[in-house]
Amino acid sequence: MRPLLLALALAAMSTSLTAQRARARDLGVAPGVFPPGALNAITDVAGVRVGHVTVSEGDGVRTGVTAILPHEGNAYLDRVPAAVWVGNGFGKLVGSTQANELGELETPILLTCTLCVWKVADAMAAWMLEKPGMERVRSINPLVGETNDGGLNDIRARAITAAQVREALERAAGGPVPEGSVGAGHGTVAFGWKGGIGTSSRVLPASLGGYTLGVLVQSNFGGVLQVAGAPVGQELGRYAFRDAQSKDGGDGSIIMVVATDAPLSDRNLKRVASRAMLGLGRTGSSASNGSGDYVIAFSTATRVRRPFGAPKLETAELGNEDVSGLFEAVVEATEEAIYNSLFQATNVTGNGRTVEAIPLDKVREVLARYGRDATTSRRAP
């Protein structure tokens, strides 16, 4: 076959495979009681933008960068309160100690592969320092998370470049968020199938403040997959501890990024972030020894912003009694975002290995068998 015809055929196959994928709600899986936002994505939180650069080079490099920007301004000069929660700390979350110490972000959040976090942090610092108003800045705290995509990706090549980091930051936009085998999720594996990027959101009723909360995940972990309570991993014969003689306990990692327009302090953002672990647990993770499970949460509300250099901050934040709805929202959105990362992922071959996307026809069969299919699932109002 001629090279052009071969390229067209491969493109058609890729498009066809992508078209066959689905989000959780297409399968009748709608966790919880709160409705999603219009996009069912982290970008339902006004001002939040997401950008991906997917890197696929030769036979071995399958990785990428995902950027999450908290608002449309300069994140250093107009800071948002933030918190980091560590479920299991087997990972490299650059910038986490200062973020927790000061309770704020001063850069966008970037996700990438394990051995590229320092290159990515350096590139973002350079990008930020070039911005107007940053001429006298002498310290900056890039926040960069990672998961290890070394199964599908030639991770030792450390292939991410400064230009690709800049592209992800500049490409960041609102609107629908591409999911699955894209950006920082290009080379990841979850529950033995292809993992990736997933997102979801929830909108609280007016009686609970009407706030929006969104979650984006980079899934690269294991365990015993369950979907809406149905034992999908066991039914499909792929799960941790399947072989009694094996030590496979579902190692891997996941980064969970939580955004909300609710006016929260960093203290209550940490409480929200901790509840994302409950959503992770609902999917079948046990936060194994070798899993880096991190949550980064921030608030975009203007009344809790922290202008750089302000001698005094006057904020109006939610009290403790008004955050329980957000706790429920983050559990629901995290669970659904993880499902979306799996269900939207496509087959990827790299580094001498092929990881298949979870077969959605078989997932539908299991859901139907356990009364969790589109005709019987309890949907959000």
Protein backbone atom coordinates (compact mmCIF):
# COMPACT_ATOMS: atom_id res chain seq x y z
CA MET A 1 0.00 0.00 0.00
CA ARG A 2 1.28 3.47 -0.86
CA PRO A 3 2.40 5.59 2.12
CA LEU A 4 -0.38 8.15 1.58
CA LEU A 5 -3.06 5.48 1.32
CA LEU A 6 -1.66 3.73 4.39
CA ALA A 7 -1.73 6.98 6.37
CA LEU A 8 -5.33 7.63 5.32
CA ALA A 9 -6.33 4.10 6.28
CA LEU A 10 -4.70 4.37 9.67
CA ALA A 11 -6.37 7.74 10.24
CA ALA A 12 -9.75 6.25 9.32
CA MET A 13 -9.19 3.34 11.70
CA SER A 14 -8.24 5.74 14.49
CA THR A 15 -11.31 7.91 13.86
CA SER A 16 -13.54 4.84 13.80
CA LEU A 17 -12.11 3.56 17.08
CA THR A 18 -12.53 6.96 18.74
CA ALA A 19 -16.12 7.12 17.52
CA GLN A 20 -16.82 3.80 19.22
CA ARG A 21 -15.77 5.10 22.61
CA ALA A 22 -18.23 6.56 25.09
CA ARG A 23 -18.47 8.54 28.28
CA ALA A 24 -19.86 6.96 31.44
CA ARG A 25 -23.31 8.50 31.01
CA ASP A 26 -23.62 6.98 27.56
CA LEU A 27 -23.53 3.63 29.35
CA GLY A 28 -26.07 4.71 31.96
CA VAL A 29 -23.42 5.28 34.62
CA ALA A 30 -24.26 8.52 36.45
CA PRO A 31 -22.76 8.40 39.94
CA GLY A 32 -24.50 10.22 42.74
CA VAL A 33 -27.40 12.59 43.21
CA PHE A 34 -26.17 15.91 41.81
CA PRO A 35 -26.40 16.83 38.11
CA PRO A 36 -23.33 17.57 35.99
CA GLY A 37 -22.63 20.92 34.39
CA ALA A 38 -23.34 21.59 30.73
CA LEU A 39 -20.03 20.05 29.61
CA ASN A 40 -19.66 17.55 32.46
CA ALA A 41 -16.06 18.74 32.67
CA ILE A 42 -13.72 20.73 34.86
CA THR A 43 -14.21 23.62 32.44
CA ASP A 44 -17.79 23.99 33.70
CA VAL A 45 -16.08 26.03 36.42
CA ALA A 46 -15.97 29.44 34.77
CA GLY A 47 -12.50 30.58 33.74
CA VAL A 48 -10.80 27.18 34.03
CA ARG A 49 -8.96 26.17 30.88
CA VAL A 50 -7.33 22.91 29.80
CA GLY A 51 -4.70 22.28 27.14
CA HIS A 52 -3.11 19.04 25.92
CA VAL A 53 -0.04 18.23 23.89
CA THR A 54 0.19 14.56 22.94
CA VAL A 55 3.69 13.34 22.08
CA SER A 56 4.07 10.26 19.88
CA GLU A 57 7.50 9.75 18.34
CA GLY A 58 8.92 6.67 16.64
CA ASP A 59 8.15 3.28 18.14
CA GLY A 60 8.79 4.19 21.76
CA VAL A 61 7.70 7.64 22.88
CA ARG A 62 4.06 7.80 24.01
CA THR A 63 3.62 10.62 26.51
CA GLY A 64 2.45 14.22 26.76
CA VAL A 65 1.60 17.30 28.79
CA THR A 66 -1.74 18.50 30.16
CA ALA A 67 -2.14 22.06 31.46
CA ILE A 68 -4.88 23.30 33.79
CA LEU A 69 -5.13 27.09 34.14
CA PRO A 70 -7.25 28.41 37.03
CA HIS A 71 -8.39 31.63 35.36
CA GLU A 72 -7.69 33.88 32.40
CA GLY A 73 -5.26 36.18 34.18
CA ASN A 74 -1.71 35.81 35.45
CA ALA A 75 -1.77 33.01 38.04
CA TYR A 76 1.24 34.49 39.88
CA LEU A 77 -0.10 38.02 40.23
CA ASP A 78 -3.71 36.94 40.90
CA ARG A 79 -3.41 33.85 43.07
CA VAL A 80 -6.11 31.37 43.97
CA PRO A 81 -6.36 29.50 47.27
CA ALA A 82 -5.35 25.89 46.90
CA ALA A 83 -4.47 22.73 48.78
CA VAL A 84 -2.77 19.40 48.10
CA TRP A 85 -3.92 16.14 49.65
CA VAL A 86 -1.70 13.06 49.58
CA GLY A 87 -3.52 9.72 49.58
CA ASN A 88 -0.38 7.67 49.05
CA GLY A 89 2.85 9.52 48.45
CA PHE A 90 4.69 7.33 45.95
CA GLY A 91 5.20 10.11 43.43
CA LYS A 92 6.82 13.39 42.48
CA LEU A 93 4.50 16.36 42.89
CA VAL A 94 6.82 19.30 42.29
CA GLY A 95 5.85 22.41 44.26
CA SER A 96 3.50 20.70 46.69
CA THR A 97 5.17 21.78 49.93
CA GLN A 98 4.97 25.49 49.19
CA ALA A 99 1.44 25.16 47.84
CA ASN A 100 0.34 23.64 51.15
CA GLU A 101 2.44 25.98 53.28
CA LEU A 102 1.03 29.17 51.73
CA GLY A 103 -2.31 27.70 50.71
CA GLU A 104 -2.25 29.06 47.17
CA LEU A 105 -1.28 28.49 43.56
CA GLU A 106 1.08 30.85 41.79
CA THR A 107 1.28 28.97 38.48
CA PRO A 108 -0.98 26.80 36.36
CA ILE A 109 -0.99 23.04 37.09
CA LEU A 110 0.85 20.77 34.68
CA LEU A 111 0.65 16.98 34.39
CA THR A 112 3.21 14.82 32.58
CA CYS A 113 5.33 11.65 32.94
CA THR A 114 7.53 10.81 35.92
CA LEU A 115 10.98 11.57 34.52
CA CYS A 116 9.85 14.78 32.83
CA VAL A 117 8.45 16.66 35.83
CA TRP A 118 11.61 18.73 36.34
CA LYS A 119 11.94 19.65 32.66
CA VAL A 120 8.28 20.61 32.59
CA ALA A 121 8.58 22.69 35.77
CA ASP A 122 11.60 24.52 34.37
CA ALA A 123 9.82 25.26 31.09
CA MET A 124 6.73 26.61 32.88
CA ALA A 125 8.86 28.80 35.14
CA ALA A 126 10.53 30.32 32.08
CA TRP A 127 7.13 30.85 30.42
CA MET A 128 5.76 32.57 33.51
CA LEU A 129 8.81 34.81 34.04
CA GLU A 130 8.40 36.20 30.53
CA LYS A 131 4.89 37.48 31.28
CA PRO A 132 4.22 41.23 31.69
CA GLY A 133 4.53 42.33 35.30
CA MET A 134 6.97 39.55 36.16
CA GLU A 135 10.18 41.47 35.47
CA ARG A 136 11.31 41.61 39.11
CA VAL A 137 10.13 38.16 40.24
CA ARG A 138 12.96 36.14 41.84
CA SER A 139 11.06 33.07 43.07
CA ILE A 140 8.37 30.97 41.47
CA ASN A 141 6.72 27.69 42.49
CA PRO A 142 5.65 25.56 39.50
CA LEU A 143 3.14 22.85 40.45
CA VAL A 144 3.72 19.76 38.30
CA GLY A 145 2.26 16.29 38.84
CA GLU A 146 3.11 12.99 37.19
CA THR A 147 2.26 9.38 36.67
CA ASN A 148 4.68 6.74 35.37
CA ASP A 149 3.88 5.85 31.76
CA GLY A 150 7.04 3.76 31.37
CA GLY A 151 5.14 0.71 30.13
CA LEU A 152 4.06 2.30 26.86
CA ASN A 153 6.54 5.16 26.81
CA ASP A 154 10.33 5.17 26.52
CA ILE A 155 10.36 7.18 29.72
CA ARG A 156 14.15 7.38 29.99
CA ALA A 157 14.20 9.40 26.78
CA ARG A 158 12.59 12.26 28.75
CA ALA A 159 11.11 13.37 25.47
CA ILE A 160 9.05 16.37 26.59
CA THR A 161 10.47 19.67 25.34
CA ALA A 162 10.08 23.25 26.55
CA ALA A 163 8.28 24.07 23.31
CA GLN A 164 5.68 21.37 24.00
CA VAL A 165 5.11 22.69 27.52
CA ARG A 166 4.56 26.18 26.16
CA GLU A 167 2.21 24.80 23.53
CA ALA A 168 0.06 23.07 26.15
CA LEU A 169 -0.13 26.28 28.19
CA GLU A 170 -0.91 28.46 25.17
CA ARG A 171 -3.42 25.96 23.80
CA ALA A 172 -5.42 25.84 27.04
CA ALA A 173 -9.06 26.75 26.48
CA GLY A 174 -12.51 26.41 27.95
CA GLY A 175 -15.19 24.24 26.40
CA PRO A 176 -15.20 20.45 25.97
CA VAL A 177 -12.09 18.66 27.25
CA PRO A 178 -10.56 15.88 25.12
CA GLU A 179 -10.34 12.69 27.18
CA GLY A 180 -8.68 9.31 27.03
CA SER A 181 -5.28 8.73 25.40
CA VAL A 182 -4.38 12.39 25.10
CA GLY A 183 -1.89 14.78 26.69
CA ALA A 184 -0.42 13.46 29.92
CA GLY A 185 -2.70 10.42 29.59
CA HIS A 186 -1.27 9.24 26.28
CA GLY A 187 0.86 6.46 27.76
CA THR A 188 -0.99 5.60 30.96
CA VAL A 189 -2.61 2.32 32.03
CA ALA A 190 -5.49 1.89 34.51
CA PHE A 191 -6.87 -1.38 35.90
CA GLY A 192 -4.88 -3.21 33.21
CA TRP A 193 -6.56 -1.36 30.35
CA LYS A 194 -5.64 1.89 28.65
CA GLY A 195 -6.05 4.79 31.07
CA GLY A 196 -5.77 8.49 30.42
CA ILE A 197 -7.41 11.84 31.00
CA GLY A 198 -10.97 12.00 32.28
CA THR A 199 -13.16 14.77 33.61
CA SER A 200 -16.57 15.38 35.16
CA SER A 201 -18.46 18.06 37.09
CA ARG A 202 -21.34 18.62 39.47
CA VAL A 203 -23.63 21.59 40.08
CA LEU A 204 -25.14 22.05 43.52
CA PRO A 205 -28.78 23.13 43.85
CA ALA A 206 -29.51 26.75 44.74
CA SER A 207 -30.37 25.72 48.28
CA LEU A 208 -26.73 24.59 48.69
CA GLY A 209 -25.26 27.66 47.02
CA GLY A 210 -25.55 26.69 43.34
CA TYR A 211 -21.78 26.19 43.12
CA THR A 212 -20.00 24.22 40.40
CA LEU A 213 -17.23 21.73 41.07
CA GLY A 214 -15.18 19.98 38.41
CA VAL A 215 -12.56 17.24 38.44
CA LEU A 216 -9.88 16.21 35.95
CA VAL A 217 -7.84 13.03 36.42
CA GLN A 218 -4.73 11.45 34.94
CA SER A 219 -5.40 7.75 35.58
CA ASN A 220 -2.52 5.29 35.72
CA PHE A 221 -3.35 3.00 38.64
CA GLY A 222 -4.74 -0.42 39.42
CA GLY A 223 -7.01 -2.34 41.72
CA VAL A 224 -10.26 -4.27 41.33
CA LEU A 225 -12.36 -2.23 38.92
CA GLN A 226 -15.99 -1.72 39.79
CA VAL A 227 -18.36 0.50 37.83
CA ALA A 228 -21.43 1.78 39.65
CA GLY A 229 -20.92 -1.10 42.05
CA ALA A 230 -20.76 -3.77 39.34
CA PRO A 231 -17.60 -5.95 39.58
CA VAL A 232 -16.41 -5.24 36.04
CA GLY A 233 -12.77 -6.15 36.66
CA GLN A 234 -13.61 -9.53 38.15
CA GLU A 235 -16.18 -10.32 35.47
CA LEU A 236 -13.69 -9.48 32.72
CA GLY A 237 -10.90 -11.42 34.43
CA ARG A 238 -8.51 -8.51 34.90
CA TYR A 239 -7.88 -7.27 38.41
CA ALA A 240 -5.26 -6.96 41.16
CA PHE A 241 -4.48 -10.05 43.27
CA ARG A 242 -6.10 -12.34 40.69
CA ASP A 243 -3.17 -14.73 41.01
CA ALA A 244 -2.74 -15.74 44.63
CA GLN A 245 1.00 -16.20 44.02
CA SER A 246 1.40 -12.74 42.50
CA LYS A 247 2.32 -9.56 44.31
CA ASP A 248 0.43 -7.44 41.78
CA GLY A 249 -1.52 -5.18 44.11
CA GLY A 250 -2.58 -2.56 41.63
CA ASP A 251 0.41 -0.23 41.74
CA GLY A 252 0.40 2.92 39.65
CA SER A 253 -0.63 6.51 40.24
CA ILE A 254 -3.40 9.02 39.76
CA ILE A 255 -3.47 12.80 39.86
CA MET A 256 -6.86 14.35 40.64
CA VAL A 257 -7.34 18.09 40.04
CA VAL A 258 -10.40 19.70 41.62
CA ALA A 259 -11.69 23.16 40.71
CA THR A 260 -14.68 24.96 42.21
CA ASP A 261 -16.22 28.41 42.10
CA ALA A 262 -17.30 28.04 45.73
CA PRO A 263 -15.44 30.59 47.89
CA LEU A 264 -13.30 28.25 49.98
CA SER A 265 -10.21 28.82 52.07
CA ASP A 266 -7.21 26.59 51.58
CA ARG A 267 -8.21 24.81 54.80
CA ASN A 268 -11.60 23.76 53.46
CA LEU A 269 -10.09 23.07 50.04
CA LYS A 270 -7.89 20.49 51.72
CA ARG A 271 -11.00 18.94 53.23
CA VAL A 272 -12.65 18.84 49.79
CA ALA A 273 -9.48 17.36 48.27
CA SER A 274 -9.40 14.56 50.84
CA ARG A 275 -12.91 13.47 49.80
CA ALA A 276 -11.74 12.87 46.23
CA MET A 277 -10.06 9.76 47.63
CA LEU A 278 -13.52 8.39 48.40
CA GLY A 279 -14.43 8.71 44.72
CA LEU A 280 -11.19 6.95 43.81
CA GLY A 281 -12.04 4.15 46.22
CA ARG A 282 -15.47 3.68 44.64
CA THR A 283 -13.78 2.69 41.37
CA GLY A 284 -11.83 -0.11 43.04
CA SER A 285 -8.49 1.40 44.04
CA SER A 286 -6.93 0.49 47.37
CA ALA A 287 -4.20 3.17 47.10
CA SER A 288 -1.56 0.46 46.99
CA ASN A 289 2.01 0.77 48.24
CA GLY A 290 3.42 1.74 44.85
CA SER A 291 0.66 4.16 43.90
CA GLY A 292 1.09 7.94 43.94
CA ASP A 293 -2.39 9.25 44.70
CA TYR A 294 -2.52 13.05 44.83
CA VAL A 295 -5.32 15.61 44.84
CA ILE A 296 -4.87 19.30 44.01
CA ALA A 297 -7.88 21.51 44.77
CA PHE A 298 -8.38 25.22 44.14
CA SER A 299 -11.12 27.84 44.20
CA THR A 300 -11.66 30.34 41.40
CA ALA A 301 -14.03 32.59 43.40
CA THR A 302 -12.94 36.22 43.11
CA ARG A 303 -13.78 36.97 46.73
CA VAL A 304 -11.08 34.61 47.97
CA ARG A 305 -8.38 35.64 45.47
CA ARG A 306 -5.00 36.69 46.82
CA PRO A 307 -3.36 39.51 44.84
CA PHE A 308 0.42 39.23 44.93
CA GLY A 309 1.99 41.57 47.46
CA ALA A 310 -1.27 42.62 49.09
CA PRO A 311 -0.46 43.68 52.67
CA LYS A 312 -3.91 42.64 53.85
CA LEU A 313 -6.42 40.14 52.51
CA GLU A 314 -10.14 40.65 52.96
CA THR A 315 -12.03 37.54 51.89
CA ALA A 316 -15.51 36.09 52.36
CA GLU A 317 -15.38 32.32 52.48
CA LEU A 318 -17.91 29.58 53.12
CA GLY A 319 -18.28 28.36 56.67
CA ASN A 320 -17.75 24.76 57.67
CA GLU A 321 -21.47 24.05 57.84
CA ASP A 322 -21.88 24.82 54.12
CA VAL A 323 -19.27 22.51 52.60
CA SER A 324 -20.91 19.09 52.88
CA GLY A 325 -22.58 19.44 49.49
CA LEU A 326 -19.17 20.04 47.94
CA PHE A 327 -17.86 16.92 49.67
CA GLU A 328 -20.56 14.87 47.97
CA ALA A 329 -19.95 16.62 44.65
CA VAL A 330 -16.23 15.86 44.60
CA VAL A 331 -16.81 12.18 45.41
CA GLU A 332 -19.29 11.86 42.55
CA ALA A 333 -17.27 13.84 40.00
CA THR A 334 -14.02 12.02 40.80
CA GLU A 335 -15.64 8.62 40.35
CA GLU A 336 -17.17 9.61 37.02
CA ALA A 337 -13.99 11.30 35.76
CA ILE A 338 -12.08 8.05 36.31
CA TYR A 339 -14.68 6.08 34.35
CA ASN A 340 -14.47 8.63 31.54
CA SER A 341 -10.68 8.29 31.44
CA LEU A 342 -11.10 4.55 30.83
CA PHE A 343 -14.12 4.58 28.53
CA GLN A 344 -12.72 7.33 26.28
CA ALA A 345 -9.25 5.82 26.00
CA THR A 346 -8.17 4.07 22.79
CA ASN A 347 -5.67 1.30 22.08
CA VAL A 348 -2.05 2.49 22.23
CA THR A 349 1.08 0.67 21.06
CA GLY A 350 4.47 1.89 22.15
CA ASN A 351 7.77 0.82 23.66
CA GLY A 352 7.21 -2.75 22.39
CA ARG A 353 3.84 -3.12 24.09
CA THR A 354 0.16 -2.72 23.22
CA VAL A 355 -2.42 -1.80 25.84
CA GLU A 356 -6.03 -2.22 24.77
CA ALA A 357 -8.90 0.04 25.66
CA ILE A 358 -11.47 -1.54 27.95
CA PRO A 359 -14.09 -3.30 25.75
CA LEU A 360 -17.24 -1.25 26.17
CA ASP A 361 -19.52 -3.94 24.76
CA LYS A 362 -18.42 -6.26 27.56
CA VAL A 363 -18.74 -3.47 30.13
CA ARG A 364 -22.33 -2.95 28.96
CA GLU A 365 -23.01 -6.67 29.39
CA VAL A 366 -21.69 -6.65 32.95
CA LEU A 367 -23.64 -3.51 33.82
CA ALA A 368 -26.83 -5.07 32.47
CA ARG A 369 -26.20 -8.30 34.35
CA TYR A 370 -25.94 -6.37 37.61
CA GLY A 371 -28.81 -3.99 36.86
CA ARG A 372 -26.57 -1.01 36.17
CA ASP A 373 -27.23 -0.49 32.45
CA ALA A 374 -28.82 2.54 30.80
CA THR A 375 -32.35 1.24 31.32
CA THR A 376 -32.03 0.46 35.01
CA SER A 377 -29.34 2.78 36.43
CA ARG A 378 -30.38 5.44 38.85
CA ARG A 379 -29.60 8.71 37.14
CA ALA A 380 -28.85 12.06 38.70
CA PRO A 381 -31.82 14.46 38.74
